[in-house]
Amino acid sequence: MALVRKTITLTAQKNSWIKAQIESGQYTNDSEYIRDLIRKEQERTVQVEDLRKALIEGENSGEPQPFDAAAFKQRMFTNG
């Protein structure tokens, strides 16, 4: 995968935060930390989109039905 160099500007507070993450041993340099933030945001975006799709599917599935919690627990207990 080709790498592209980027220049970013941070507040002193954010820069200190990144340096603290590196000093704690979690990351070896600024770039590694920023790349990890991007990966996590990409994963979160996928999770949010999956949740949105599930909510829409639920809304489109028809009228709600009564829920019997005791019967549900019993099914889980006997089938579990």
Protein backbone atom coordinates (compact mmCIF):
# COMPACT_ATOMS: atom_id res chain seq x y z
CA MET A 1 0.00 0.00 0.00
CA ALA A 2 1.39 3.38 -0.98
CA LEU A 3 2.02 5.88 1.78
CA VAL A 4 1.07 9.54 1.53
CA ARG A 5 2.70 12.12 3.75
CA LYS A 6 0.29 14.52 5.49
CA THR A 7 0.91 17.56 7.63
CA ILE A 8 -1.50 18.24 10.47
CA THR A 9 -1.80 21.03 13.01
CA LEU A 10 -2.71 20.28 16.62
CA THR A 11 -3.28 22.27 19.74
CA ALA A 12 -0.59 21.98 22.40
CA GLN A 13 -3.04 19.99 24.53
CA LYS A 14 -3.69 17.42 21.79
CA ASN A 15 0.02 17.18 21.02
CA SER A 16 0.71 16.53 24.71
CA TRP A 17 -1.92 13.80 24.70
CA ILE A 18 -0.29 12.06 21.74
CA LYS A 19 3.15 12.34 23.32
CA ALA A 20 1.78 10.81 26.54
CA GLN A 21 0.41 7.84 24.57
CA ILE A 22 3.83 7.32 23.00
CA GLU A 23 5.64 7.70 26.33
CA SER A 24 3.32 5.12 27.91
CA GLY A 25 4.59 2.60 25.39
CA GLN A 26 1.30 2.11 23.60
CA TYR A 27 2.64 3.57 20.36
CA THR A 28 6.10 4.12 18.94
CA ASN A 29 5.46 7.44 17.19
CA ASP A 30 2.85 10.05 16.26
CA SER A 31 2.03 8.43 12.93
CA GLU A 32 1.28 5.06 14.51
CA TYR A 33 -1.11 6.71 16.96
CA ILE A 34 -2.91 8.72 14.25
CA ARG A 35 -3.23 5.63 12.03
CA ASP A 36 -4.72 3.71 14.96
CA LEU A 37 -7.24 6.50 15.56
CA ILE A 38 -8.27 6.35 11.90
CA ARG A 39 -8.62 2.54 11.99
CA LYS A 40 -10.78 2.75 15.11
CA GLU A 41 -12.97 5.45 13.54
CA GLN A 42 -13.38 3.32 10.40
CA GLU A 43 -14.46 0.36 12.55
CA ARG A 44 -16.85 2.54 14.55
CA THR A 45 -18.37 3.91 11.35
CA VAL A 46 -19.06 0.37 10.12
CA GLN A 47 -20.63 -0.56 13.47
CA VAL A 48 -22.86 2.53 13.44
CA GLU A 49 -23.97 1.79 9.88
CA ASP A 50 -24.73 -1.85 10.82
CA LEU A 51 -26.80 -0.60 13.76
CA ARG A 52 -28.68 1.84 11.54
CA LYS A 53 -29.46 -0.95 9.08
CA ALA A 54 -30.70 -3.19 11.91
CA LEU A 55 -32.92 -0.41 13.26
CA ILE A 56 -34.41 0.23 9.82
CA GLU A 57 -34.96 -3.52 9.34
CA GLY A 58 -36.71 -3.66 12.70
CA GLU A 59 -38.90 -0.68 11.87
CA ASN A 60 -39.86 -2.28 8.56
CA SER A 61 -40.56 -5.71 10.06
CA GLY A 62 -44.17 -4.95 10.91
CA GLU A 63 -46.26 -4.07 13.90
CA PRO A 64 -44.76 -4.75 17.32
CA GLN A 65 -45.91 -7.86 19.15
CA PRO A 66 -46.34 -8.22 22.92
CA PHE A 67 -43.22 -9.55 24.64
CA ASP A 68 -43.52 -12.18 27.38
CA ALA A 69 -40.28 -11.90 29.34
CA ALA A 70 -41.05 -14.95 31.50
CA ALA A 71 -41.66 -17.15 28.45
CA PHE A 72 -38.49 -15.84 26.83
CA LYS A 73 -36.43 -16.64 29.93
CA GLN A 74 -37.97 -20.09 30.10
CA ARG A 75 -37.07 -20.79 26.46
CA MET A 76 -33.51 -19.62 27.08
CA PHE A 77 -33.24 -21.79 30.19
CA THR A 78 -34.58 -24.94 28.52
CA ASN A 79 -32.77 -24.41 25.21
CA GLY A 80 -29.54 -23.08 26.66
